Amino acid sequence: MKYKYLNGKLTIYLEEELDMNSCRTIRGVIDGYIMKFQPYELVLDLSGVEFMDSSGIGLILGRYNLIKLLDAKMTVVNAASNIRRVIELSNIKLECVQYE
């Protein structure tokens, strides 16, 4: 996992499967970055994620709730179509953008 923080915007580049095993570790790392930087916007770039189960949805929802507590915005970008569909079906009020 890589990250970039610039002018209040924290971008996290996820490059692994989002399953029960990986989400435990990823959650702690992302939360650490959020608490350190207190961003006005969190961007989760899922271009490197090919698989996501319900733990991945929980990871995204939990970060969304944390960002909302900071009165900030969250966007998911570059999610594969199957992952984007799962996010949409989960009814999270979250912007999901696809960049080419």
PDB file of N, CA and C in Angstrom:
ATOM      1  N   MET A   1       0.848  -1.166   0.000  1.00  0.00           N
ATOM      2  CA  MET A   1       0.000   0.000   0.000  1.00  0.00           C
ATOM      3  C   MET A   1       0.901   1.239   0.000  1.00  0.00           C
ATOM      4  N   LYS A   2       0.527   2.181  -0.857  1.00  0.00           N
ATOM      5  CA  LYS A   2       1.230   3.456  -0.922  1.00  0.00           C
ATOM      6  C   LYS A   2       0.232   4.563  -0.585  1.00  0.00           C
ATOM      7  N   TYR A   3       0.775   5.713  -0.223  1.00  0.00           N
ATOM      8  CA  TYR A   3      -0.089   6.854   0.025  1.00  0.00           C
ATOM      9  C   TYR A   3       0.589   8.124  -0.458  1.00  0.00           C
ATOM     10  N   LYS A   4      -0.243   9.146  -0.663  1.00  0.00           N
ATOM     11  CA  LYS A   4       0.255  10.470  -1.013  1.00  0.00           C
ATOM     12  C   LYS A   4      -0.615  11.477  -0.275  1.00  0.00           C
ATOM     13  N   TYR A   5       0.031  12.438   0.377  1.00  0.00           N
ATOM     14  CA  TYR A   5      -0.697  13.502   1.048  1.00  0.00           C
ATOM     15  C   TYR A   5      -0.235  14.824   0.463  1.00  0.00           C
ATOM     16  N   LEU A   6      -1.185  15.587  -0.054  1.00  0.00           N
ATOM     17  CA  LEU A   6      -0.852  16.862  -0.675  1.00  0.00           C
ATOM     18  C   LEU A   6      -2.005  17.834  -0.480  1.00  0.00           C
ATOM     19  N   ASN A   7      -1.723  18.970   0.136  1.00  0.00           N
ATOM     20  CA  ASN A   7      -2.705  20.050   0.302  1.00  0.00           C
ATOM     21  C   ASN A   7      -4.028  19.582   0.903  1.00  0.00           C
ATOM     22  N   GLY A   8      -3.959  18.754   1.936  1.00  0.00           N
ATOM     23  CA  GLY A   8      -5.172  18.318   2.622  1.00  0.00           C
ATOM     24  C   GLY A   8      -5.858  17.113   2.018  1.00  0.00           C
ATOM     25  N   LYS A   9      -5.322  16.585   0.933  1.00  0.00           N
ATOM     26  CA  LYS A   9      -5.936  15.431   0.264  1.00  0.00           C
ATOM     27  C   LYS A   9      -5.037  14.208   0.469  1.00  0.00           C
ATOM     28  N   LEU A  10      -5.588  13.177   1.087  1.00  0.00           N
ATOM     29  CA  LEU A  10      -4.880  11.930   1.341  1.00  0.00           C
ATOM     30  C   LEU A  10      -5.358  10.881   0.349  1.00  0.00           C
ATOM     31  N   THR A  11      -4.441  10.386  -0.466  1.00  0.00           N
ATOM     32  CA  THR A  11      -4.771   9.333  -1.428  1.00  0.00           C
ATOM     33  C   THR A  11      -4.074   8.056  -0.992  1.00  0.00           C
ATOM     34  N   ILE A  12      -4.854   6.995  -0.863  1.00  0.00           N
ATOM     35  CA  ILE A  12      -4.335   5.680  -0.498  1.00  0.00           C
ATOM     36  C   ILE A  12      -4.461   4.782  -1.728  1.00  0.00           C
ATOM     37  N   TYR A  13      -3.354   4.182  -2.144  1.00  0.00           N
ATOM     38  CA  TYR A  13      -3.328   3.279  -3.294  1.00  0.00           C
ATOM     39  C   TYR A  13      -3.310   1.851  -2.774  1.00  0.00           C
ATOM     40  N   LEU A  14      -4.423   1.160  -2.923  1.00  0.00           N
ATOM     41  CA  LEU A  14      -4.523  -0.227  -2.465  1.00  0.00           C
ATOM     42  C   LEU A  14      -4.136  -1.159  -3.604  1.00  0.00           C
ATOM     43  N   GLU A  15      -3.296  -2.123  -3.295  1.00  0.00           N
ATOM     44  CA  GLU A  15      -2.748  -2.995  -4.339  1.00  0.00           C
ATOM     45  C   GLU A  15      -2.880  -4.465  -3.982  1.00  0.00           C
ATOM     46  N   GLU A  16      -3.803  -4.794  -3.099  1.00  0.00           N
ATOM     47  CA  GLU A  16      -3.965  -6.176  -2.694  1.00  0.00           C
ATOM     48  C   GLU A  16      -5.444  -6.533  -2.654  1.00  0.00           C
ATOM     49  N   GLU A  17      -5.717  -7.808  -2.435  1.00  0.00           N
ATOM     50  CA  GLU A  17      -7.102  -8.223  -2.288  1.00  0.00           C
ATOM     51  C   GLU A  17      -7.645  -7.665  -0.983  1.00  0.00           C
ATOM     52  N   LEU A  18      -8.896  -7.281  -0.995  1.00  0.00           N
ATOM     53  CA  LEU A  18      -9.539  -6.791   0.222  1.00  0.00           C
ATOM     54  C   LEU A  18     -10.409  -7.909   0.775  1.00  0.00           C
ATOM     55  N   ASP A  19      -9.784  -8.765   1.568  1.00  0.00           N
ATOM     56  CA  ASP A  19     -10.486  -9.882   2.182  1.00  0.00           C
ATOM     57  C   ASP A  19     -10.274  -9.843   3.693  1.00  0.00           C
ATOM     58  N   MET A  20     -10.816 -10.813   4.380  1.00  0.00           N
ATOM     59  CA  MET A  20     -10.775 -10.823   5.831  1.00  0.00           C
ATOM     60  C   MET A  20      -9.339 -10.744   6.370  1.00  0.00           C
ATOM     61  N   ASN A  21      -8.412 -11.426   5.742  1.00  0.00           N
ATOM     62  CA  ASN A  21      -7.035 -11.448   6.229  1.00  0.00           C
ATOM     63  C   ASN A  21      -6.329 -10.114   6.043  1.00  0.00           C
ATOM     64  N   SER A  22      -6.478  -9.503   4.886  1.00  0.00           N
ATOM     65  CA  SER A  22      -5.746  -8.270   4.598  1.00  0.00           C
ATOM     66  C   SER A  22      -6.389  -7.048   5.237  1.00  0.00           C
ATOM     67  N   CYS A  23      -7.692  -7.037   5.380  1.00  0.00           N
ATOM     68  CA  CYS A  23      -8.390  -5.841   5.858  1.00  0.00           C
ATOM     69  C   CYS A  23      -8.023  -5.467   7.280  1.00  0.00           C
ATOM     70  N   ARG A  24      -7.713  -6.448   8.102  1.00  0.00           N
ATOM     71  CA  ARG A  24      -7.342  -6.164   9.483  1.00  0.00           C
ATOM     72  C   ARG A  24      -6.128  -5.235   9.530  1.00  0.00           C
ATOM     73  N   THR A  25      -5.108  -5.555   8.756  1.00  0.00           N
ATOM     74  CA  THR A  25      -3.885  -4.761   8.719  1.00  0.00           C
ATOM     75  C   THR A  25      -4.113  -3.433   8.012  1.00  0.00           C
ATOM     76  N   ILE A  26      -4.784  -3.475   6.865  1.00  0.00           N
ATOM     77  CA  ILE A  26      -5.020  -2.272   6.068  1.00  0.00           C
ATOM     78  C   ILE A  26      -5.803  -1.237   6.868  1.00  0.00           C
ATOM     79  N   ARG A  27      -6.788  -1.682   7.605  1.00  0.00           N
ATOM     80  CA  ARG A  27      -7.632  -0.796   8.411  1.00  0.00           C
ATOM     81  C   ARG A  27      -6.773   0.030   9.369  1.00  0.00           C
ATOM     82  N   GLY A  28      -5.879  -0.624  10.081  1.00  0.00           N
ATOM     83  CA  GLY A  28      -5.028   0.069  11.041  1.00  0.00           C
ATOM     84  C   GLY A  28      -4.102   1.077  10.382  1.00  0.00           C
ATOM     85  N   VAL A  29      -3.555   0.713   9.227  1.00  0.00           N
ATOM     86  CA  VAL A  29      -2.639   1.611   8.519  1.00  0.00           C
ATOM     87  C   VAL A  29      -3.386   2.847   8.012  1.00  0.00           C
ATOM     88  N   ILE A  30      -4.527   2.641   7.366  1.00  0.00           N
ATOM     89  CA  ILE A  30      -5.298   3.771   6.839  1.00  0.00           C
ATOM     90  C   ILE A  30      -5.754   4.686   7.981  1.00  0.00           C
ATOM     91  N   ASP A  31      -6.250   4.100   9.066  1.00  0.00           N
ATOM     92  CA  ASP A  31      -6.696   4.915  10.196  1.00  0.00           C
ATOM     93  C   ASP A  31      -5.540   5.732  10.770  1.00  0.00           C
ATOM     94  N   GLY A  32      -4.351   5.149  10.790  1.00  0.00           N
ATOM     95  CA  GLY A  32      -3.177   5.879  11.252  1.00  0.00           C
ATOM     96  C   GLY A  32      -2.885   7.087  10.386  1.00  0.00           C
ATOM     97  N   TYR A  33      -2.971   6.915   9.064  1.00  0.00           N
ATOM     98  CA  TYR A  33      -2.766   8.036   8.144  1.00  0.00           C
ATOM     99  C   TYR A  33      -3.840   9.110   8.329  1.00  0.00           C
ATOM    100  N   ILE A  34      -5.082   8.673   8.493  1.00  0.00           N
ATOM    101  CA  ILE A  34      -6.175   9.625   8.678  1.00  0.00           C
ATOM    102  C   ILE A  34      -5.959  10.446   9.948  1.00  0.00           C
ATOM    103  N   MET A  35      -5.582   9.795  11.036  1.00  0.00           N
ATOM    104  CA  MET A  35      -5.394  10.514  12.288  1.00  0.00           C
ATOM    105  C   MET A  35      -4.158  11.418  12.221  1.00  0.00           C
ATOM    106  N   LYS A  36      -3.147  10.996  11.508  1.00  0.00           N
ATOM    107  CA  LYS A  36      -1.928  11.796  11.380  1.00  0.00           C
ATOM    108  C   LYS A  36      -2.160  13.063  10.561  1.00  0.00           C
ATOM    109  N   PHE A  37      -2.819  12.919   9.409  1.00  0.00           N
ATOM    110  CA  PHE A  37      -2.962  14.029   8.476  1.00  0.00           C
ATOM    111  C   PHE A  37      -4.260  14.816   8.633  1.00  0.00           C
ATOM    112  N   GLN A  38      -5.303  14.210   9.203  1.00  0.00           N
ATOM    113  CA  GLN A  38      -6.613  14.864   9.339  1.00  0.00           C
ATOM    114  C   GLN A  38      -7.021  15.517   8.004  1.00  0.00           C
ATOM    115  N   PRO A  39      -7.119  14.729   6.927  1.00  0.00           N
ATOM    116  CA  PRO A  39      -7.356  15.305   5.600  1.00  0.00           C
ATOM    117  C   PRO A  39      -8.764  15.874   5.445  1.00  0.00           C
ATOM    118  N   TYR A  40      -8.911  16.785   4.483  1.00  0.00           N
ATOM    119  CA  TYR A  40     -10.256  17.263   4.136  1.00  0.00           C
ATOM    120  C   TYR A  40     -10.878  16.324   3.110  1.00  0.00           C
ATOM    121  N   GLU A  41     -10.030  15.506   2.462  1.00  0.00           N
ATOM    122  CA  GLU A  41     -10.542  14.515   1.507  1.00  0.00           C
ATOM    123  C   GLU A  41      -9.683  13.260   1.562  1.00  0.00           C
ATOM    124  N   LEU A  42     -10.350  12.103   1.582  1.00  0.00           N
ATOM    125  CA  LEU A  42      -9.688  10.804   1.483  1.00  0.00           C
ATOM    126  C   LEU A  42     -10.075  10.191   0.149  1.00  0.00           C
ATOM    127  N   VAL A  43      -9.069   9.769  -0.613  1.00  0.00           N
ATOM    128  CA  VAL A  43      -9.305   9.090  -1.879  1.00  0.00           C
ATOM    129  C   VAL A  43      -8.743   7.679  -1.751  1.00  0.00           C
ATOM    130  N   LEU A  44      -9.585   6.682  -1.963  1.00  0.00           N
ATOM    131  CA  LEU A  44      -9.122   5.295  -2.008  1.00  0.00           C
ATOM    132  C   LEU A  44      -9.027   4.894  -3.470  1.00  0.00           C
ATOM    133  N   ASP A  45      -7.808   4.661  -3.930  1.00  0.00           N
ATOM    134  CA  ASP A  45      -7.583   4.233  -5.310  1.00  0.00           C
ATOM    135  C   ASP A  45      -7.523   2.709  -5.328  1.00  0.00           C
ATOM    136  N   LEU A  46      -8.519   2.096  -5.941  1.00  0.00           N
ATOM    137  CA  LEU A  46      -8.640   0.636  -5.955  1.00  0.00           C
ATOM    138  C   LEU A  46      -8.148   0.021  -7.263  1.00  0.00           C
ATOM    139  N   SER A  47      -7.338   0.750  -8.023  1.00  0.00           N
ATOM    140  CA  SER A  47      -6.893   0.237  -9.322  1.00  0.00           C
ATOM    141  C   SER A  47      -6.104  -1.069  -9.196  1.00  0.00           C
ATOM    142  N   GLY A  48      -5.478  -1.322  -8.057  1.00  0.00           N
ATOM    143  CA  GLY A  48      -4.714  -2.549  -7.873  1.00  0.00           C
ATOM    144  C   GLY A  48      -5.486  -3.660  -7.195  1.00  0.00           C
ATOM    145  N   VAL A  49      -6.780  -3.461  -6.951  1.00  0.00           N
ATOM    146  CA  VAL A  49      -7.605  -4.448  -6.251  1.00  0.00           C
ATOM    147  C   VAL A  49      -8.422  -5.243  -7.270  1.00  0.00           C
ATOM    148  N   GLU A  50      -8.218  -6.554  -7.265  1.00  0.00           N
ATOM    149  CA  GLU A  50      -8.976  -7.408  -8.187  1.00  0.00           C
ATOM    150  C   GLU A  50     -10.085  -8.185  -7.492  1.00  0.00           C
ATOM    151  N   PHE A  51      -9.993  -8.305  -6.179  1.00  0.00           N
ATOM    152  CA  PHE A  51     -10.986  -9.068  -5.428  1.00  0.00           C
ATOM    153  C   PHE A  51     -11.328  -8.327  -4.149  1.00  0.00           C
ATOM    154  N   MET A  52     -12.615  -8.311  -3.809  1.00  0.00           N
ATOM    155  CA  MET A  52     -13.062  -7.718  -2.563  1.00  0.00           C
ATOM    156  C   MET A  52     -14.260  -8.503  -2.057  1.00  0.00           C
ATOM    157  N   ASP A  53     -14.214  -8.915  -0.796  1.00  0.00           N
ATOM    158  CA  ASP A  53     -15.369  -9.580  -0.206  1.00  0.00           C
ATOM    159  C   ASP A  53     -16.044  -8.628   0.781  1.00  0.00           C
ATOM    160  N   SER A  54     -16.903  -9.139   1.632  1.00  0.00           N
ATOM    161  CA  SER A  54     -17.646  -8.276   2.552  1.00  0.00           C
ATOM    162  C   SER A  54     -16.724  -7.545   3.530  1.00  0.00           C
ATOM    163  N   SER A  55     -15.569  -8.093   3.805  1.00  0.00           N
ATOM    164  CA  SER A  55     -14.604  -7.403   4.667  1.00  0.00           C
ATOM    165  C   SER A  55     -14.121  -6.120   4.010  1.00  0.00           C
ATOM    166  N   GLY A  56     -13.981  -6.137   2.699  1.00  0.00           N
ATOM    167  CA  GLY A  56     -13.588  -4.939   1.960  1.00  0.00           C
ATOM    168  C   GLY A  56     -14.654  -3.859   2.044  1.00  0.00           C
ATOM    169  N   ILE A  57     -15.917  -4.265   1.951  1.00  0.00           N
ATOM    170  CA  ILE A  57     -17.015  -3.307   2.111  1.00  0.00           C
ATOM    171  C   ILE A  57     -16.972  -2.725   3.522  1.00  0.00           C
ATOM    172  N   GLY A  58     -16.728  -3.567   4.500  1.00  0.00           N
ATOM    173  CA  GLY A  58     -16.618  -3.093   5.877  1.00  0.00           C
ATOM    174  C   GLY A  58     -15.469  -2.110   6.044  1.00  0.00           C
ATOM    175  N   LEU A  59     -14.356  -2.388   5.376  1.00  0.00           N
ATOM    176  CA  LEU A  59     -13.205  -1.490   5.412  1.00  0.00           C
ATOM    177  C   LEU A  59     -13.569  -0.127   4.834  1.00  0.00           C
ATOM    178  N   ILE A  60     -14.195  -0.120   3.682  1.00  0.00           N
ATOM    179  CA  ILE A  60     -14.581   1.135   3.026  1.00  0.00           C
ATOM    180  C   ILE A  60     -15.616   1.882   3.871  1.00  0.00           C
ATOM    181  N   LEU A  61     -16.619   1.182   4.358  1.00  0.00           N
ATOM    182  CA  LEU A  61     -17.667   1.812   5.171  1.00  0.00           C
ATOM    183  C   LEU A  61     -17.093   2.399   6.461  1.00  0.00           C
ATOM    184  N   GLY A  62     -16.202   1.673   7.103  1.00  0.00           N
ATOM    185  CA  GLY A  62     -15.587   2.169   8.332  1.00  0.00           C
ATOM    186  C   GLY A  62     -14.763   3.430   8.105  1.00  0.00           C
ATOM    187  N   ARG A  63     -14.007   3.475   6.990  1.00  0.00           N
ATOM    188  CA  ARG A  63     -13.209   4.673   6.686  1.00  0.00           C
ATOM    189  C   ARG A  63     -14.139   5.823   6.320  1.00  0.00           C
ATOM    190  N   TYR A  64     -15.227   5.523   5.630  1.00  0.00           N
ATOM    191  CA  TYR A  64     -16.221   6.542   5.281  1.00  0.00           C
ATOM    192  C   TYR A  64     -16.791   7.174   6.553  1.00  0.00           C
ATOM    193  N   ASN A  65     -17.150   6.346   7.523  1.00  0.00           N
ATOM    194  CA  ASN A  65     -17.701   6.862   8.781  1.00  0.00           C
ATOM    195  C   ASN A  65     -16.671   7.684   9.546  1.00  0.00           C
ATOM    196  N   LEU A  66     -15.418   7.248   9.545  1.00  0.00           N
ATOM    197  CA  LEU A  66     -14.362   7.991  10.221  1.00  0.00           C
ATOM    198  C   LEU A  66     -14.139   9.348   9.559  1.00  0.00           C
ATOM    199  N   ILE A  67     -14.098   9.372   8.235  1.00  0.00           N
ATOM    200  CA  ILE A  67     -13.900  10.619   7.496  1.00  0.00           C
ATOM    201  C   ILE A  67     -15.066  11.577   7.746  1.00  0.00           C
ATOM    202  N   LYS A  68     -16.279  11.050   7.808  1.00  0.00           N
ATOM    203  CA  LYS A  68     -17.443  11.896   8.087  1.00  0.00           C
ATOM    204  C   LYS A  68     -17.338  12.542   9.468  1.00  0.00           C
ATOM    205  N   LEU A  69     -16.779  11.826  10.446  1.00  0.00           N
ATOM    206  CA  LEU A  69     -16.581  12.407  11.776  1.00  0.00           C
ATOM    207  C   LEU A  69     -15.636  13.603  11.731  1.00  0.00           C
ATOM    208  N   LEU A  70     -14.722  13.600  10.763  1.00  0.00           N
ATOM    209  CA  LEU A  70     -13.780  14.706  10.590  1.00  0.00           C
ATOM    210  C   LEU A  70     -14.354  15.794   9.688  1.00  0.00           C
ATOM    211  N   ASP A  71     -15.629  15.633   9.298  1.00  0.00           N
ATOM    212  CA  ASP A  71     -16.299  16.564   8.393  1.00  0.00           C
ATOM    213  C   ASP A  71     -15.536  16.688   7.075  1.00  0.00           C
ATOM    214  N   ALA A  72     -15.086  15.550   6.575  1.00  0.00           N
ATOM    215  CA  ALA A  72     -14.309  15.491   5.334  1.00  0.00           C
ATOM    216  C   ALA A  72     -15.071  14.678   4.292  1.00  0.00           C
ATOM    217  N   LYS A  73     -14.484  14.571   3.132  1.00  0.00           N
ATOM    218  CA  LYS A  73     -15.093  13.903   1.983  1.00  0.00           C
ATOM    219  C   LYS A  73     -14.286  12.650   1.647  1.00  0.00           C
ATOM    220  N   MET A  74     -14.956  11.635   1.107  1.00  0.00           N
ATOM    221  CA  MET A  74     -14.268  10.419   0.678  1.00  0.00           C
ATOM    222  C   MET A  74     -14.728  10.044  -0.719  1.00  0.00           C
ATOM    223  N   THR A  75     -13.770   9.623  -1.535  1.00  0.00           N
ATOM    224  CA  THR A  75     -14.040   9.194  -2.895  1.00  0.00           C
ATOM    225  C   THR A  75     -13.311   7.883  -3.148  1.00  0.00           C
ATOM    226  N   VAL A  76     -13.949   6.980  -3.859  1.00  0.00           N
ATOM    227  CA  VAL A  76     -13.301   5.752  -4.316  1.00  0.00           C
ATOM    228  C   VAL A  76     -13.067   5.911  -5.807  1.00  0.00           C
ATOM    229  N   VAL A  77     -11.834   5.643  -6.245  1.00  0.00           N
ATOM    230  CA  VAL A  77     -11.514   5.786  -7.667  1.00  0.00           C
ATOM    231  C   VAL A  77     -10.926   4.492  -8.211  1.00  0.00           C
ATOM    232  N   ASN A  78     -11.104   4.320  -9.505  1.00  0.00           N
ATOM    233  CA  ASN A  78     -10.502   3.227 -10.268  1.00  0.00           C
ATOM    234  C   ASN A  78     -10.855   1.830  -9.766  1.00  0.00           C
ATOM    235  N   ALA A  79     -12.079   1.658  -9.316  1.00  0.00           N
ATOM    236  CA  ALA A  79     -12.530   0.330  -8.903  1.00  0.00           C
ATOM    237  C   ALA A  79     -12.952  -0.461 -10.134  1.00  0.00           C
ATOM    238  N   ALA A  80     -12.611  -1.737 -10.158  1.00  0.00           N
ATOM    239  CA  ALA A  80     -13.065  -2.620 -11.236  1.00  0.00           C
ATOM    240  C   ALA A  80     -14.592  -2.632 -11.235  1.00  0.00           C
ATOM    241  N   SER A  81     -15.188  -2.940 -12.359  1.00  0.00           N
ATOM    242  CA  SER A  81     -16.649  -2.861 -12.486  1.00  0.00           C
ATOM    243  C   SER A  81     -17.369  -3.747 -11.467  1.00  0.00           C
ATOM    244  N   ASN A  82     -16.844  -4.943 -11.193  1.00  0.00           N
ATOM    245  CA  ASN A  82     -17.501  -5.816 -10.216  1.00  0.00           C
ATOM    246  C   ASN A  82     -17.411  -5.238  -8.803  1.00  0.00           C
ATOM    247  N   ILE A  83     -16.298  -4.594  -8.472  1.00  0.00           N
ATOM    248  CA  ILE A  83     -16.142  -3.984  -7.159  1.00  0.00           C
ATOM    249  C   ILE A  83     -16.999  -2.730  -7.051  1.00  0.00           C
ATOM    250  N   ARG A  84     -17.055  -1.944  -8.111  1.00  0.00           N
ATOM    251  CA  ARG A  84     -17.902  -0.746  -8.138  1.00  0.00           C
ATOM    252  C   ARG A  84     -19.363  -1.137  -7.912  1.00  0.00           C
ATOM    253  N   ARG A  85     -19.771  -2.230  -8.513  1.00  0.00           N
ATOM    254  CA  ARG A  85     -21.151  -2.709  -8.363  1.00  0.00           C
ATOM    255  C   ARG A  85     -21.443  -3.103  -6.920  1.00  0.00           C
ATOM    256  N   VAL A  86     -20.500  -3.777  -6.267  1.00  0.00           N
ATOM    257  CA  VAL A  86     -20.674  -4.161  -4.865  1.00  0.00           C
ATOM    258  C   VAL A  86     -20.806  -2.917  -3.995  1.00  0.00           C
ATOM    259  N   ILE A  87     -19.994  -1.903  -4.269  1.00  0.00           N
ATOM    260  CA  ILE A  87     -20.067  -0.650  -3.512  1.00  0.00           C
ATOM    261  C   ILE A  87     -21.437   0.004  -3.713  1.00  0.00           C
ATOM    262  N   GLU A  88     -21.906   0.039  -4.950  1.00  0.00           N
ATOM    263  CA  GLU A  88     -23.206   0.634  -5.239  1.00  0.00           C
ATOM    264  C   GLU A  88     -24.330  -0.126  -4.537  1.00  0.00           C
ATOM    265  N   LEU A  89     -24.257  -1.452  -4.526  1.00  0.00           N
ATOM    266  CA  LEU A  89     -25.293  -2.267  -3.889  1.00  0.00           C
ATOM    267  C   LEU A  89     -25.274  -2.138  -2.369  1.00  0.00           C
ATOM    268  N   SER A  90     -24.130  -1.761  -1.811  1.00  0.00           N
ATOM    269  CA  SER A  90     -24.032  -1.624  -0.359  1.00  0.00           C
ATOM    270  C   SER A  90     -24.732  -0.369   0.145  1.00  0.00           C
ATOM    271  N   ASN A  91     -25.128   0.505  -0.781  1.00  0.00           N
ATOM    272  CA  ASN A  91     -25.880   1.723  -0.455  1.00  0.00           C
ATOM    273  C   ASN A  91     -25.069   2.737   0.353  1.00  0.00           C
ATOM    274  N   ILE A  92     -23.737   2.709   0.196  1.00  0.00           N
ATOM    275  CA  ILE A  92     -22.893   3.724   0.816  1.00  0.00           C
ATOM    276  C   ILE A  92     -23.032   4.983  -0.029  1.00  0.00           C
ATOM    277  N   LYS A  93     -23.305   6.094   0.595  1.00  0.00           N
ATOM    278  CA  LYS A  93     -23.435   7.374  -0.117  1.00  0.00           C
ATOM    279  C   LYS A  93     -22.036   7.930  -0.383  1.00  0.00           C
ATOM    280  N   LEU A  94     -21.418   7.408  -1.430  1.00  0.00           N
ATOM    281  CA  LEU A  94     -20.010   7.638  -1.685  1.00  0.00           C
ATOM    282  C   LEU A  94     -19.795   7.814  -3.170  1.00  0.00           C
ATOM    283  N   GLU A  95     -18.949   8.774  -3.519  1.00  0.00           N
ATOM    284  CA  GLU A  95     -18.643   8.988  -4.931  1.00  0.00           C
ATOM    285  C   GLU A  95     -17.667   7.901  -5.401  1.00  0.00           C
ATOM    286  N   CYS A  96     -17.999   7.273  -6.507  1.00  0.00           N
ATOM    287  CA  CYS A  96     -17.184   6.198  -7.063  1.00  0.00           C
ATOM    288  C   CYS A  96     -16.839   6.609  -8.497  1.00  0.00           C
ATOM    289  N   VAL A  97     -15.572   6.963  -8.743  1.00  0.00           N
ATOM    290  CA  VAL A  97     -15.140   7.532 -10.018  1.00  0.00           C
ATOM    291  C   VAL A  97     -14.203   6.571 -10.730  1.00  0.00           C
ATOM    292  N   GLN A  98     -14.334   6.504 -12.033  1.00  0.00           N
ATOM    293  CA  GLN A  98     -13.451   5.665 -12.847  1.00  0.00           C
ATOM    294  C   GLN A  98     -12.609   6.545 -13.742  1.00  0.00           C
ATOM    295  N   TYR A  99     -11.292   6.499 -13.569  1.00  0.00           N
ATOM    296  CA  TYR A  99     -10.383   7.242 -14.433  1.00  0.00           C
ATOM    297  C   TYR A  99      -9.796   6.306 -15.455  1.00  0.00           C
ATOM    298  N   GLU A 100      -9.567   6.784 -16.636  1.00  0.00           N
ATOM    299  CA  GLU A 100      -8.988   5.975 -17.706  1.00  0.00           C
ATOM    300  C   GLU A 100      -7.487   6.059 -17.654  1.00  0.00           C
TER     301      GLU A 100
END
